[in-house]
């Protein structure tokens, strides 16, 4: 489940965004000022920020600049003004996308999903329920306890974590990890997945709750 930080000085808009997003599986945190949002982000991790521009005391542009001083969390700017200069200004100070009010629910969801896809695709460190997959250090931890995976096991786990809720066939996993011309058999994937499950189970991670077999198709990470 993705966590989205909603930042708007209007409680009605916060409630409306929550109404849109919660049924789609997003966990929403509401902040009614830029300063409150910054304080929250300094102590908590979220996957995306929906940031209103027109707020008193500290507007969305200033809030975005302050967030970028310590975080690369994806930010979508939200405003009632659909003007090119606003869009350019927001993107120049570090926003990832922009949507104007009043917006269509489907467009909002599409923009959020697109930004999250780009963000997850470039992430080198992923945290999930106490499990940490660190691509730069090529290490996996659960509650600070190291888990020793082979390179292919590490890559398979990373593939699932980067694409939660997506079903991968065994052939797709082979292509992703070995390339199109690989002679790897599909049962090799089953063996690697089995090893990943066993190693994570040994350290107490509830792997069977998340890494699921889709019978007749392949595997997916249920988030």
N, C-alpha and C. Protein backbone atom coordinates (compact mmCIF):
# COMPACT_ATOMS: atom_id res chain seq x y z
N UNK A 1 0.84 -1.19 0.00
CA UNK A 1 0.00 0.00 0.00
C UNK A 1 0.88 1.25 0.00
N UNK A 2 0.59 2.18 -0.89
CA UNK A 2 1.32 3.44 -0.96
C UNK A 2 0.74 4.45 0.03
N UNK A 3 1.62 5.24 0.63
CA UNK A 3 1.19 6.30 1.53
C UNK A 3 1.33 7.64 0.82
N UNK A 4 0.25 8.41 0.79
CA UNK A 4 0.23 9.71 0.13
C UNK A 4 0.00 10.80 1.17
N UNK A 5 0.85 11.81 1.17
CA UNK A 5 0.69 12.96 2.06
C UNK A 5 -0.10 14.03 1.33
N UNK A 6 -1.28 14.37 1.84
CA UNK A 6 -2.15 15.39 1.25
C UNK A 6 -1.93 16.70 1.98
N UNK A 7 -1.60 17.76 1.22
CA UNK A 7 -1.31 19.05 1.84
C UNK A 7 -2.21 20.12 1.24
N UNK A 8 -3.13 20.64 2.03
CA UNK A 8 -4.07 21.66 1.56
C UNK A 8 -4.64 22.36 2.79
N UNK A 9 -4.82 23.69 2.69
CA UNK A 9 -5.35 24.40 3.84
C UNK A 9 -6.87 24.26 3.96
N UNK A 10 -7.52 23.68 2.96
CA UNK A 10 -8.97 23.46 3.01
C UNK A 10 -9.27 22.03 3.43
N UNK A 11 -9.89 21.87 4.59
CA UNK A 11 -10.23 20.53 5.08
C UNK A 11 -11.15 19.81 4.12
N UNK A 12 -12.04 20.56 3.48
CA UNK A 12 -12.98 19.94 2.54
C UNK A 12 -12.23 19.27 1.38
N UNK A 13 -11.19 19.93 0.88
CA UNK A 13 -10.41 19.35 -0.21
C UNK A 13 -9.63 18.13 0.27
N UNK A 14 -9.08 18.19 1.48
CA UNK A 14 -8.38 17.03 2.03
C UNK A 14 -9.31 15.82 2.13
N UNK A 15 -10.52 16.06 2.61
CA UNK A 15 -11.49 14.98 2.75
C UNK A 15 -11.89 14.43 1.39
N UNK A 16 -12.00 15.32 0.39
CA UNK A 16 -12.38 14.89 -0.95
C UNK A 16 -11.28 14.03 -1.58
N UNK A 17 -10.04 14.45 -1.43
CA UNK A 17 -8.92 13.67 -1.96
C UNK A 17 -8.84 12.30 -1.28
N UNK A 18 -9.04 12.30 0.02
CA UNK A 18 -9.05 11.04 0.77
C UNK A 18 -10.17 10.13 0.26
N UNK A 19 -11.31 10.72 -0.03
CA UNK A 19 -12.45 9.96 -0.55
C UNK A 19 -12.13 9.35 -1.90
N UNK A 20 -11.37 10.07 -2.73
CA UNK A 20 -10.95 9.56 -4.03
C UNK A 20 -9.95 8.40 -3.88
N UNK A 21 -8.95 8.62 -3.02
CA UNK A 21 -7.78 7.76 -3.03
C UNK A 21 -7.88 6.52 -2.14
N UNK A 22 -8.51 6.65 -0.98
CA UNK A 22 -8.57 5.52 -0.05
C UNK A 22 -9.19 4.26 -0.64
N UNK A 23 -10.31 4.36 -1.38
CA UNK A 23 -10.88 3.14 -1.97
C UNK A 23 -9.97 2.48 -3.01
N UNK A 24 -8.99 3.24 -3.52
CA UNK A 24 -8.05 2.70 -4.51
C UNK A 24 -6.82 2.08 -3.85
N UNK A 25 -6.83 2.01 -2.54
CA UNK A 25 -5.74 1.34 -1.84
C UNK A 25 -4.65 2.25 -1.33
N UNK A 26 -4.84 3.57 -1.40
CA UNK A 26 -3.83 4.50 -0.90
C UNK A 26 -4.11 4.86 0.56
N UNK A 27 -3.05 4.91 1.34
CA UNK A 27 -3.15 5.35 2.73
C UNK A 27 -2.86 6.85 2.77
N UNK A 28 -3.84 7.66 3.18
CA UNK A 28 -3.73 9.11 3.11
C UNK A 28 -3.42 9.74 4.47
N UNK A 29 -2.43 10.62 4.48
CA UNK A 29 -2.10 11.43 5.64
C UNK A 29 -2.46 12.88 5.28
N UNK A 30 -3.17 13.58 6.16
CA UNK A 30 -3.64 14.93 5.86
C UNK A 30 -2.87 15.98 6.66
N UNK A 31 -2.42 17.02 5.96
CA UNK A 31 -1.78 18.15 6.60
C UNK A 31 -2.42 19.43 6.07
N UNK A 32 -2.72 20.37 6.97
CA UNK A 32 -3.41 21.58 6.58
C UNK A 32 -2.48 22.78 6.40
N UNK A 33 -1.17 22.55 6.40
CA UNK A 33 -0.23 23.64 6.14
C UNK A 33 1.08 23.05 5.62
N UNK A 34 1.84 23.91 4.94
CA UNK A 34 3.14 23.47 4.45
C UNK A 34 4.09 23.13 5.57
N UNK A 35 4.07 23.91 6.62
CA UNK A 35 4.97 23.68 7.75
C UNK A 35 4.68 22.34 8.42
N UNK A 36 3.40 22.03 8.60
CA UNK A 36 3.03 20.74 9.19
C UNK A 36 3.50 19.58 8.31
N UNK A 37 3.37 19.77 6.99
CA UNK A 37 3.81 18.72 6.05
C UNK A 37 5.31 18.50 6.16
N UNK A 38 6.08 19.59 6.22
CA UNK A 38 7.54 19.48 6.33
C UNK A 38 7.92 18.75 7.62
N UNK A 39 7.28 19.12 8.71
CA UNK A 39 7.58 18.47 10.00
C UNK A 39 7.25 16.99 9.95
N UNK A 40 6.16 16.64 9.27
CA UNK A 40 5.80 15.22 9.16
C UNK A 40 6.84 14.47 8.34
N UNK A 41 7.25 15.05 7.21
CA UNK A 41 8.20 14.38 6.32
C UNK A 41 9.58 14.23 6.95
N UNK A 42 9.91 15.12 7.87
CA UNK A 42 11.21 15.01 8.53
C UNK A 42 11.28 13.79 9.43
N UNK A 43 10.14 13.26 9.81
CA UNK A 43 10.12 12.14 10.75
C UNK A 43 9.41 10.89 10.23
N UNK A 44 8.84 10.98 9.03
CA UNK A 44 8.07 9.85 8.51
C UNK A 44 8.32 9.68 7.01
N UNK A 45 8.13 8.46 6.55
CA UNK A 45 8.32 8.15 5.13
C UNK A 45 6.97 8.07 4.44
N UNK A 46 6.85 8.72 3.29
CA UNK A 46 5.66 8.59 2.44
C UNK A 46 6.13 8.30 1.02
N UNK A 47 5.21 7.87 0.18
CA UNK A 47 5.57 7.54 -1.20
C UNK A 47 5.33 8.68 -2.17
N UNK A 48 4.44 9.61 -1.81
CA UNK A 48 4.11 10.71 -2.71
C UNK A 48 3.46 11.84 -1.93
N UNK A 49 3.67 13.08 -2.40
CA UNK A 49 3.03 14.26 -1.78
C UNK A 49 2.14 14.93 -2.81
N UNK A 50 0.87 15.16 -2.44
CA UNK A 50 -0.04 15.98 -3.24
C UNK A 50 -0.08 17.34 -2.57
N UNK A 51 0.49 18.36 -3.22
CA UNK A 51 0.77 19.63 -2.57
C UNK A 51 0.01 20.78 -3.23
N UNK A 52 -0.90 21.38 -2.49
CA UNK A 52 -1.64 22.54 -3.01
C UNK A 52 -0.72 23.76 -3.04
N UNK A 53 -0.86 24.59 -4.08
CA UNK A 53 -0.01 25.78 -4.19
C UNK A 53 -0.54 26.93 -3.36
N UNK A 54 -1.83 27.23 -3.50
CA UNK A 54 -2.38 28.44 -2.88
C UNK A 54 -2.75 28.20 -1.42
N UNK A 55 -1.74 28.34 -0.54
CA UNK A 55 -1.96 28.20 0.89
C UNK A 55 -1.42 29.44 1.59
N UNK A 56 -2.04 29.85 2.71
CA UNK A 56 -1.55 31.02 3.46
C UNK A 56 -0.25 30.70 4.20
N UNK A 57 0.45 31.72 4.59
CA UNK A 57 1.69 31.63 5.39
C UNK A 57 2.83 31.02 4.57
N UNK A 58 2.71 29.78 4.17
CA UNK A 58 3.73 29.15 3.34
C UNK A 58 3.04 28.49 2.15
N UNK A 59 3.25 29.04 0.94
CA UNK A 59 2.56 28.48 -0.22
C UNK A 59 3.23 27.19 -0.68
N UNK A 60 2.63 26.56 -1.68
CA UNK A 60 3.12 25.28 -2.15
C UNK A 60 4.51 25.34 -2.75
N UNK A 61 4.84 26.45 -3.42
CA UNK A 61 6.17 26.58 -4.01
C UNK A 61 7.25 26.60 -2.94
N UNK A 62 7.03 27.40 -1.90
CA UNK A 62 8.01 27.46 -0.81
C UNK A 62 8.08 26.11 -0.09
N UNK A 63 6.93 25.49 0.10
CA UNK A 63 6.92 24.17 0.76
C UNK A 63 7.70 23.17 -0.06
N UNK A 64 7.50 23.17 -1.38
CA UNK A 64 8.22 22.25 -2.27
C UNK A 64 9.73 22.47 -2.17
N UNK A 65 10.16 23.72 -2.18
CA UNK A 65 11.59 24.03 -2.08
C UNK A 65 12.16 23.53 -0.76
N UNK A 66 11.41 23.73 0.32
CA UNK A 66 11.88 23.28 1.64
C UNK A 66 11.98 21.75 1.70
N UNK A 67 11.01 21.06 1.10
CA UNK A 67 11.03 19.59 1.09
C UNK A 67 12.23 19.09 0.31
N UNK A 68 12.53 19.75 -0.80
CA UNK A 68 13.64 19.30 -1.65
C UNK A 68 15.00 19.48 -0.99
N UNK A 69 15.05 20.23 0.08
CA UNK A 69 16.31 20.40 0.81
C UNK A 69 16.73 19.13 1.55
N UNK A 70 15.75 18.25 1.80
CA UNK A 70 16.10 17.04 2.56
C UNK A 70 15.45 15.76 2.03
N UNK A 71 14.61 15.86 1.00
CA UNK A 71 13.91 14.67 0.54
C UNK A 71 13.69 14.70 -0.98
N UNK A 72 13.75 13.51 -1.59
CA UNK A 72 13.45 13.40 -3.03
C UNK A 72 12.10 12.72 -3.25
N UNK A 73 11.22 12.77 -2.24
CA UNK A 73 9.89 12.17 -2.36
C UNK A 73 9.18 12.78 -3.57
N UNK A 74 8.47 11.99 -4.37
CA UNK A 74 7.72 12.53 -5.52
C UNK A 74 6.66 13.55 -5.06
N UNK A 75 6.57 14.66 -5.79
CA UNK A 75 5.62 15.72 -5.45
C UNK A 75 4.77 16.07 -6.67
N UNK A 76 3.46 16.06 -6.50
CA UNK A 76 2.54 16.56 -7.51
C UNK A 76 1.91 17.84 -6.98
N UNK A 77 2.09 18.94 -7.71
CA UNK A 77 1.53 20.22 -7.31
C UNK A 77 0.07 20.30 -7.74
N UNK A 78 -0.77 20.83 -6.84
CA UNK A 78 -2.21 20.96 -7.12
C UNK A 78 -2.60 22.43 -6.97
N UNK A 79 -3.28 22.99 -7.98
CA UNK A 79 -3.69 24.38 -7.90
C UNK A 79 -4.95 24.61 -8.71
N UNK A 80 -5.63 25.71 -8.41
CA UNK A 80 -6.83 26.08 -9.17
C UNK A 80 -6.45 26.84 -10.42
N UNK A 81 -5.20 27.25 -10.53
CA UNK A 81 -4.77 28.06 -11.66
C UNK A 81 -4.06 27.19 -12.70
N UNK A 82 -4.65 27.10 -13.87
CA UNK A 82 -4.07 26.29 -14.95
C UNK A 82 -3.31 27.20 -15.89
N UNK A 83 -2.15 27.63 -15.44
CA UNK A 83 -1.34 28.55 -16.23
C UNK A 83 0.04 27.97 -16.47
N UNK A 84 0.55 28.20 -17.66
CA UNK A 84 1.84 27.64 -18.05
C UNK A 84 2.95 28.08 -17.11
N UNK A 85 2.94 29.35 -16.70
CA UNK A 85 4.01 29.84 -15.82
C UNK A 85 4.00 29.11 -14.48
N UNK A 86 2.81 28.80 -13.96
CA UNK A 86 2.73 28.05 -12.71
C UNK A 86 3.32 26.66 -12.87
N UNK A 87 3.00 26.04 -14.00
CA UNK A 87 3.52 24.69 -14.26
C UNK A 87 5.04 24.71 -14.32
N UNK A 88 5.58 25.65 -15.09
CA UNK A 88 7.03 25.75 -15.24
C UNK A 88 7.70 26.03 -13.91
N UNK A 89 7.13 26.95 -13.13
CA UNK A 89 7.72 27.29 -11.83
C UNK A 89 7.75 26.07 -10.91
N UNK A 90 6.64 25.33 -10.88
CA UNK A 90 6.58 24.15 -10.03
C UNK A 90 7.60 23.10 -10.42
N UNK A 91 7.73 22.85 -11.72
CA UNK A 91 8.68 21.84 -12.19
C UNK A 91 10.13 22.29 -11.95
N UNK A 92 10.37 23.59 -12.07
CA UNK A 92 11.74 24.09 -11.89
C UNK A 92 12.22 24.00 -10.45
N UNK A 93 11.30 24.01 -9.50
CA UNK A 93 11.73 23.95 -8.10
C UNK A 93 11.68 22.53 -7.54
N UNK A 94 11.39 21.56 -8.42
CA UNK A 94 11.52 20.17 -7.98
C UNK A 94 10.27 19.33 -7.98
N UNK A 95 9.13 19.88 -8.42
CA UNK A 95 7.92 19.07 -8.50
C UNK A 95 8.05 18.04 -9.62
N UNK A 96 7.37 16.92 -9.46
CA UNK A 96 7.43 15.86 -10.47
C UNK A 96 6.29 15.95 -11.48
N UNK A 97 5.18 16.55 -11.07
CA UNK A 97 4.04 16.70 -11.98
C UNK A 97 3.13 17.78 -11.43
N UNK A 98 2.02 18.00 -12.13
CA UNK A 98 1.17 19.16 -11.87
C UNK A 98 -0.24 18.82 -12.31
N UNK A 99 -1.23 19.17 -11.51
CA UNK A 99 -2.61 18.98 -11.90
C UNK A 99 -3.43 20.18 -11.40
N UNK A 100 -4.37 20.65 -12.25
CA UNK A 100 -5.14 21.84 -11.91
C UNK A 100 -6.54 21.47 -11.44
N UNK A 101 -7.02 22.18 -10.41
CA UNK A 101 -8.39 22.04 -9.94
C UNK A 101 -9.31 22.90 -10.81
N UNK A 102 -10.54 22.47 -11.05
CA UNK A 102 -11.10 21.16 -10.65
C UNK A 102 -10.57 20.06 -11.57
N UNK A 103 -10.21 18.92 -11.00
CA UNK A 103 -9.63 17.85 -11.79
C UNK A 103 -10.57 16.65 -11.83
N UNK A 104 -10.36 15.85 -12.84
CA UNK A 104 -11.11 14.61 -12.99
C UNK A 104 -10.46 13.54 -12.13
N UNK A 105 -11.25 12.76 -11.43
CA UNK A 105 -10.71 11.73 -10.54
C UNK A 105 -9.81 10.75 -11.29
N UNK A 106 -10.24 10.35 -12.49
CA UNK A 106 -9.45 9.39 -13.26
C UNK A 106 -8.10 9.97 -13.65
N UNK A 107 -8.09 11.26 -14.01
CA UNK A 107 -6.82 11.91 -14.37
C UNK A 107 -5.89 11.98 -13.16
N UNK A 108 -6.44 12.34 -12.01
CA UNK A 108 -5.63 12.40 -10.79
C UNK A 108 -4.99 11.05 -10.49
N UNK A 109 -5.78 10.00 -10.54
CA UNK A 109 -5.26 8.66 -10.26
C UNK A 109 -4.19 8.27 -11.28
N UNK A 110 -4.43 8.60 -12.55
CA UNK A 110 -3.46 8.26 -13.60
C UNK A 110 -2.14 8.98 -13.37
N UNK A 111 -2.20 10.25 -12.99
CA UNK A 111 -0.97 11.01 -12.74
C UNK A 111 -0.21 10.45 -11.52
N UNK A 112 -0.95 10.11 -10.48
CA UNK A 112 -0.31 9.53 -9.30
C UNK A 112 0.38 8.22 -9.66
N UNK A 113 -0.31 7.36 -10.38
CA UNK A 113 0.26 6.06 -10.76
C UNK A 113 1.49 6.23 -11.64
N UNK A 114 1.45 7.20 -12.56
CA UNK A 114 2.58 7.41 -13.45
C UNK A 114 3.81 7.90 -12.67
N UNK A 115 3.60 8.85 -11.76
CA UNK A 115 4.72 9.36 -10.96
C UNK A 115 5.29 8.26 -10.07
N UNK A 116 4.43 7.45 -9.48
CA UNK A 116 4.91 6.36 -8.63
C UNK A 116 5.69 5.33 -9.43
N UNK A 117 5.23 5.04 -10.64
CA UNK A 117 5.97 4.09 -11.49
C UNK A 117 7.37 4.60 -11.77
N UNK A 118 7.49 5.87 -12.11
CA UNK A 118 8.81 6.43 -12.39
C UNK A 118 9.68 6.42 -11.14
N UNK A 119 9.07 6.74 -10.01
CA UNK A 119 9.81 6.80 -8.76
C UNK A 119 10.32 5.44 -8.32
N UNK A 120 9.44 4.44 -8.35
CA UNK A 120 9.82 3.10 -7.91
C UNK A 120 10.86 2.51 -8.83
N UNK A 121 10.75 2.80 -10.12
CA UNK A 121 11.69 2.25 -11.08
C UNK A 121 13.12 2.69 -10.84
N UNK A 122 13.32 3.88 -10.27
CA UNK A 122 14.67 4.39 -10.07
C UNK A 122 15.14 4.25 -8.62
N UNK A 123 14.30 3.73 -7.75
CA UNK A 123 14.69 3.59 -6.36
C UNK A 123 15.73 2.50 -6.18
N UNK A 124 16.78 2.80 -5.45
CA UNK A 124 17.82 1.81 -5.21
C UNK A 124 17.68 1.17 -3.83
N UNK A 125 16.79 1.75 -3.00
CA UNK A 125 16.56 1.20 -1.66
C UNK A 125 15.06 1.19 -1.40
N UNK A 126 14.54 0.01 -1.10
CA UNK A 126 13.11 -0.14 -0.89
C UNK A 126 12.88 -0.73 0.50
N UNK A 127 11.96 -0.12 1.24
CA UNK A 127 11.59 -0.61 2.56
C UNK A 127 10.14 -1.06 2.55
N UNK A 128 9.89 -2.24 3.11
CA UNK A 128 8.54 -2.79 3.11
C UNK A 128 8.34 -3.63 4.36
N UNK A 129 7.46 -3.14 5.24
CA UNK A 129 7.09 -3.90 6.45
C UNK A 129 8.31 -4.37 7.23
N UNK A 130 9.32 -3.51 7.36
CA UNK A 130 10.52 -3.89 8.10
C UNK A 130 11.58 -4.57 7.26
N UNK A 131 11.25 -4.91 6.02
CA UNK A 131 12.19 -5.53 5.09
C UNK A 131 12.86 -4.43 4.28
N UNK A 132 14.19 -4.46 4.19
CA UNK A 132 14.94 -3.46 3.44
C UNK A 132 15.72 -4.15 2.33
N UNK A 133 15.48 -3.70 1.10
CA UNK A 133 16.21 -4.20 -0.08
C UNK A 133 17.07 -3.06 -0.60
N UNK A 134 18.38 -3.17 -0.47
CA UNK A 134 19.30 -2.09 -0.81
C UNK A 134 20.13 -2.49 -2.02
N UNK A 135 19.79 -1.87 -3.16
CA UNK A 135 20.46 -2.23 -4.42
C UNK A 135 21.91 -1.75 -4.45
N UNK A 136 22.18 -0.56 -3.90
CA UNK A 136 23.54 -0.03 -3.93
C UNK A 136 24.51 -0.91 -3.14
N UNK A 137 24.07 -1.35 -1.96
CA UNK A 137 24.93 -2.20 -1.13
C UNK A 137 24.73 -3.69 -1.42
N UNK A 138 23.75 -4.00 -2.25
CA UNK A 138 23.41 -5.39 -2.59
C UNK A 138 23.19 -6.21 -1.32
N UNK A 139 22.34 -5.66 -0.44
CA UNK A 139 22.05 -6.32 0.83
C UNK A 139 20.56 -6.29 1.11
N UNK A 140 20.10 -7.28 1.89
CA UNK A 140 18.72 -7.35 2.33
C UNK A 140 18.71 -7.53 3.84
N UNK A 141 17.83 -6.77 4.51
CA UNK A 141 17.71 -6.87 5.96
C UNK A 141 16.24 -7.02 6.32
N UNK A 142 16.00 -7.66 7.44
CA UNK A 142 14.67 -7.64 8.05
C UNK A 142 14.84 -7.30 9.51
N UNK A 143 14.29 -6.16 9.91
CA UNK A 143 14.44 -5.65 11.28
C UNK A 143 15.91 -5.66 11.69
N UNK A 144 16.75 -5.15 10.76
CA UNK A 144 18.20 -4.99 10.93
C UNK A 144 18.98 -6.30 10.94
N UNK A 145 18.30 -7.41 10.69
CA UNK A 145 19.01 -8.70 10.60
C UNK A 145 19.30 -9.00 9.13
N UNK A 146 20.55 -9.23 8.76
CA UNK A 146 20.88 -9.48 7.36
C UNK A 146 20.33 -10.80 6.85
N UNK A 147 19.94 -10.81 5.58
CA UNK A 147 19.46 -12.01 4.90
C UNK A 147 20.38 -12.25 3.71
N UNK A 148 20.99 -13.38 3.65
CA UNK A 148 22.00 -13.65 2.62
C UNK A 148 21.36 -14.35 1.42
N UNK A 149 21.23 -13.57 0.34
CA UNK A 149 20.63 -14.07 -0.89
C UNK A 149 21.69 -14.18 -1.98
N UNK A 150 21.50 -15.11 -2.89
CA UNK A 150 22.36 -15.18 -4.07
C UNK A 150 22.02 -14.00 -4.98
N UNK A 151 22.86 -13.66 -5.95
CA UNK A 151 22.56 -12.55 -6.86
C UNK A 151 21.21 -12.68 -7.56
N UNK A 152 20.85 -13.88 -8.00
CA UNK A 152 19.57 -14.04 -8.69
C UNK A 152 18.40 -13.95 -7.70
N UNK A 153 18.56 -14.48 -6.52
CA UNK A 153 17.52 -14.35 -5.50
C UNK A 153 17.31 -12.88 -5.14
N UNK A 154 18.42 -12.16 -5.02
CA UNK A 154 18.35 -10.73 -4.72
C UNK A 154 17.61 -9.98 -5.83
N UNK A 155 17.93 -10.32 -7.07
CA UNK A 155 17.30 -9.64 -8.21
C UNK A 155 15.81 -9.95 -8.31
N UNK A 156 15.44 -11.20 -8.04
CA UNK A 156 14.03 -11.58 -8.09
C UNK A 156 13.24 -10.83 -7.01
N UNK A 157 13.78 -10.77 -5.80
CA UNK A 157 13.11 -10.05 -4.72
C UNK A 157 12.95 -8.57 -5.09
N UNK A 158 13.99 -7.98 -5.66
CA UNK A 158 13.92 -6.59 -6.07
C UNK A 158 12.88 -6.35 -7.15
N UNK A 159 12.77 -7.29 -8.08
CA UNK A 159 11.77 -7.18 -9.15
C UNK A 159 10.37 -7.13 -8.58
N UNK A 160 10.09 -7.98 -7.62
CA UNK A 160 8.76 -8.00 -6.99
C UNK A 160 8.51 -6.72 -6.19
N UNK A 161 9.50 -6.29 -5.42
CA UNK A 161 9.32 -5.11 -4.58
C UNK A 161 9.13 -3.84 -5.40
N UNK A 162 9.77 -3.77 -6.55
CA UNK A 162 9.64 -2.59 -7.41
C UNK A 162 8.29 -2.55 -8.14
N UNK A 163 7.64 -3.71 -8.22
CA UNK A 163 6.38 -3.77 -8.97
C UNK A 163 5.31 -4.49 -8.16
N UNK A 164 4.92 -3.91 -7.02
CA UNK A 164 3.92 -4.58 -6.18
C UNK A 164 2.60 -4.77 -6.92
N UNK A 165 1.95 -5.91 -6.64
CA UNK A 165 0.64 -6.27 -7.19
C UNK A 165 0.65 -6.62 -8.68
N UNK A 166 1.82 -6.61 -9.28
CA UNK A 166 1.91 -7.01 -10.70
C UNK A 166 2.23 -8.50 -10.79
N UNK A 167 1.51 -9.20 -11.62
CA UNK A 167 1.74 -10.63 -11.81
C UNK A 167 2.83 -10.83 -12.86
N UNK A 168 3.87 -11.57 -12.50
CA UNK A 168 4.95 -11.90 -13.43
C UNK A 168 4.88 -13.37 -13.79
N UNK A 169 4.88 -13.66 -15.08
CA UNK A 169 5.00 -15.05 -15.51
C UNK A 169 6.46 -15.47 -15.32
N UNK A 170 6.70 -16.76 -15.33
CA UNK A 170 8.08 -17.24 -15.19
C UNK A 170 8.92 -16.76 -16.36
N UNK A 171 8.32 -16.73 -17.54
CA UNK A 171 9.05 -16.27 -18.72
C UNK A 171 9.43 -14.79 -18.58
N UNK A 172 8.54 -13.97 -18.05
CA UNK A 172 8.84 -12.56 -17.86
C UNK A 172 9.97 -12.36 -16.86
N UNK A 173 9.99 -13.18 -15.82
CA UNK A 173 11.07 -13.09 -14.83
C UNK A 173 12.40 -13.46 -15.47
N UNK A 174 12.40 -14.51 -16.29
CA UNK A 174 13.62 -14.94 -16.98
C UNK A 174 14.14 -13.82 -17.87
N UNK A 175 13.25 -13.22 -18.65
CA UNK A 175 13.66 -12.14 -19.55
C UNK A 175 14.21 -10.96 -18.77
N UNK A 176 13.57 -10.62 -17.65
CA UNK A 176 13.99 -9.48 -16.84
C UNK A 176 15.37 -9.70 -16.22
N UNK A 177 15.66 -10.95 -15.83
CA UNK A 177 16.90 -11.23 -15.10
C UNK A 177 18.03 -11.78 -15.96
N UNK A 178 17.66 -12.55 -17.00
CA UNK A 178 18.69 -13.19 -17.82
C UNK A 178 18.76 -12.64 -19.25
N UNK A 179 17.67 -12.00 -19.71
CA UNK A 179 17.65 -11.50 -21.08
C UNK A 179 16.86 -12.40 -22.01
N UNK A 180 16.60 -11.90 -23.21
CA UNK A 180 15.74 -12.61 -24.16
C UNK A 180 16.34 -13.92 -24.66
N UNK A 181 17.64 -14.00 -24.76
CA UNK A 181 18.27 -15.17 -25.36
C UNK A 181 18.71 -16.21 -24.34
N UNK A 182 18.24 -16.10 -23.13
CA UNK A 182 18.65 -17.03 -22.07
C UNK A 182 18.06 -18.41 -22.30
N UNK A 183 18.81 -19.42 -21.91
CA UNK A 183 18.35 -20.81 -22.00
C UNK A 183 17.82 -21.32 -20.66
N UNK A 184 17.59 -20.42 -19.75
CA UNK A 184 17.14 -20.79 -18.40
C UNK A 184 15.75 -21.43 -18.45
N UNK A 185 15.57 -22.52 -17.72
CA UNK A 185 14.27 -23.19 -17.67
C UNK A 185 13.37 -22.54 -16.63
N UNK A 186 12.07 -22.64 -16.85
CA UNK A 186 11.12 -22.00 -15.95
C UNK A 186 11.17 -22.58 -14.54
N UNK A 187 11.52 -23.85 -14.43
CA UNK A 187 11.57 -24.45 -13.08
C UNK A 187 12.71 -23.86 -12.25
N UNK A 188 13.69 -23.24 -12.93
CA UNK A 188 14.75 -22.55 -12.20
C UNK A 188 14.18 -21.38 -11.40
N UNK A 189 13.19 -20.71 -11.98
CA UNK A 189 12.53 -19.61 -11.28
C UNK A 189 11.83 -20.12 -10.03
N UNK A 190 11.15 -21.26 -10.17
CA UNK A 190 10.47 -21.85 -9.00
C UNK A 190 11.47 -22.14 -7.89
N UNK A 191 12.64 -22.62 -8.27
CA UNK A 191 13.66 -22.94 -7.28
C UNK A 191 14.16 -21.68 -6.57
N UNK A 192 14.40 -20.60 -7.33
CA UNK A 192 14.86 -19.35 -6.74
C UNK A 192 13.79 -18.76 -5.81
N UNK A 193 12.54 -18.79 -6.26
CA UNK A 193 11.45 -18.25 -5.43
C UNK A 193 11.32 -19.05 -4.14
N UNK A 194 11.45 -20.35 -4.24
CA UNK A 194 11.39 -21.21 -3.06
C UNK A 194 12.49 -20.82 -2.06
N UNK A 195 13.70 -20.58 -2.58
CA UNK A 195 14.81 -20.21 -1.70
C UNK A 195 14.57 -18.85 -1.04
N UNK A 196 14.04 -17.90 -1.81
CA UNK A 196 13.74 -16.58 -1.25
C UNK A 196 12.73 -16.72 -0.11
N UNK A 197 11.69 -17.51 -0.36
CA UNK A 197 10.68 -17.71 0.67
C UNK A 197 11.27 -18.30 1.94
N UNK A 198 12.09 -19.33 1.78
CA UNK A 198 12.65 -20.02 2.94
C UNK A 198 13.57 -19.10 3.74
N UNK A 199 14.39 -18.31 3.03
CA UNK A 199 15.35 -17.45 3.73
C UNK A 199 14.65 -16.32 4.47
N UNK A 200 13.61 -15.76 3.87
CA UNK A 200 12.88 -14.70 4.56
C UNK A 200 12.03 -15.25 5.70
N UNK A 201 11.52 -16.46 5.52
CA UNK A 201 10.73 -17.10 6.57
C UNK A 201 11.60 -17.39 7.79
N UNK A 202 12.86 -17.74 7.56
CA UNK A 202 13.77 -18.08 8.66
C UNK A 202 14.04 -16.90 9.59
N UNK A 203 13.96 -15.67 9.05
CA UNK A 203 14.22 -14.50 9.91
C UNK A 203 12.93 -13.90 10.46
N UNK A 204 11.80 -14.56 10.19
CA UNK A 204 10.54 -14.13 10.76
C UNK A 204 9.69 -13.22 9.89
N UNK A 205 10.15 -12.94 8.66
CA UNK A 205 9.34 -12.09 7.78
C UNK A 205 8.16 -12.92 7.25
N UNK A 206 6.93 -12.37 7.30
CA UNK A 206 5.74 -13.13 6.85
C UNK A 206 5.65 -13.20 5.32
N UNK A 207 6.61 -13.88 4.72
CA UNK A 207 6.75 -13.89 3.27
C UNK A 207 5.54 -14.48 2.55
N UNK A 208 4.90 -15.48 3.16
CA UNK A 208 3.76 -16.12 2.50
C UNK A 208 2.56 -15.20 2.38
N UNK A 209 2.55 -14.15 3.18
CA UNK A 209 1.48 -13.17 3.10
C UNK A 209 1.63 -12.27 1.88
N UNK A 210 2.88 -12.12 1.41
CA UNK A 210 3.14 -11.14 0.35
C UNK A 210 3.58 -11.77 -0.98
N UNK A 211 4.51 -12.70 -0.94
CA UNK A 211 4.96 -13.34 -2.18
C UNK A 211 4.04 -14.52 -2.49
N UNK A 212 3.16 -14.32 -3.44
CA UNK A 212 2.10 -15.28 -3.71
C UNK A 212 2.25 -15.93 -5.08
N UNK A 213 1.88 -17.20 -5.13
CA UNK A 213 1.85 -17.93 -6.40
C UNK A 213 0.51 -17.69 -7.08
N UNK A 214 0.56 -17.30 -8.34
CA UNK A 214 -0.66 -17.17 -9.15
C UNK A 214 -0.71 -18.40 -10.04
N UNK A 215 -1.52 -19.34 -9.65
CA UNK A 215 -1.51 -20.65 -10.29
C UNK A 215 -1.77 -20.56 -11.79
N UNK A 216 -0.93 -21.25 -12.54
CA UNK A 216 -1.04 -21.26 -13.99
C UNK A 216 -0.43 -20.05 -14.68
N UNK A 217 0.07 -19.10 -13.86
CA UNK A 217 0.64 -17.88 -14.45
C UNK A 217 2.07 -17.65 -13.94
N UNK A 218 2.22 -17.39 -12.65
CA UNK A 218 3.54 -17.09 -12.13
C UNK A 218 3.47 -16.62 -10.69
N UNK A 219 4.03 -15.44 -10.41
CA UNK A 219 4.10 -14.94 -9.04
C UNK A 219 3.79 -13.44 -9.00
N UNK A 220 3.41 -12.99 -7.80
CA UNK A 220 3.24 -11.56 -7.59
C UNK A 220 3.51 -11.22 -6.12
N UNK A 221 3.86 -9.95 -5.89
CA UNK A 221 4.05 -9.43 -4.53
C UNK A 221 2.80 -8.66 -4.16
N UNK A 222 2.05 -9.19 -3.21
CA UNK A 222 0.79 -8.57 -2.79
C UNK A 222 1.08 -7.49 -1.76
N UNK A 223 0.83 -6.23 -2.13
CA UNK A 223 1.12 -5.11 -1.22
C UNK A 223 -0.17 -4.44 -0.75
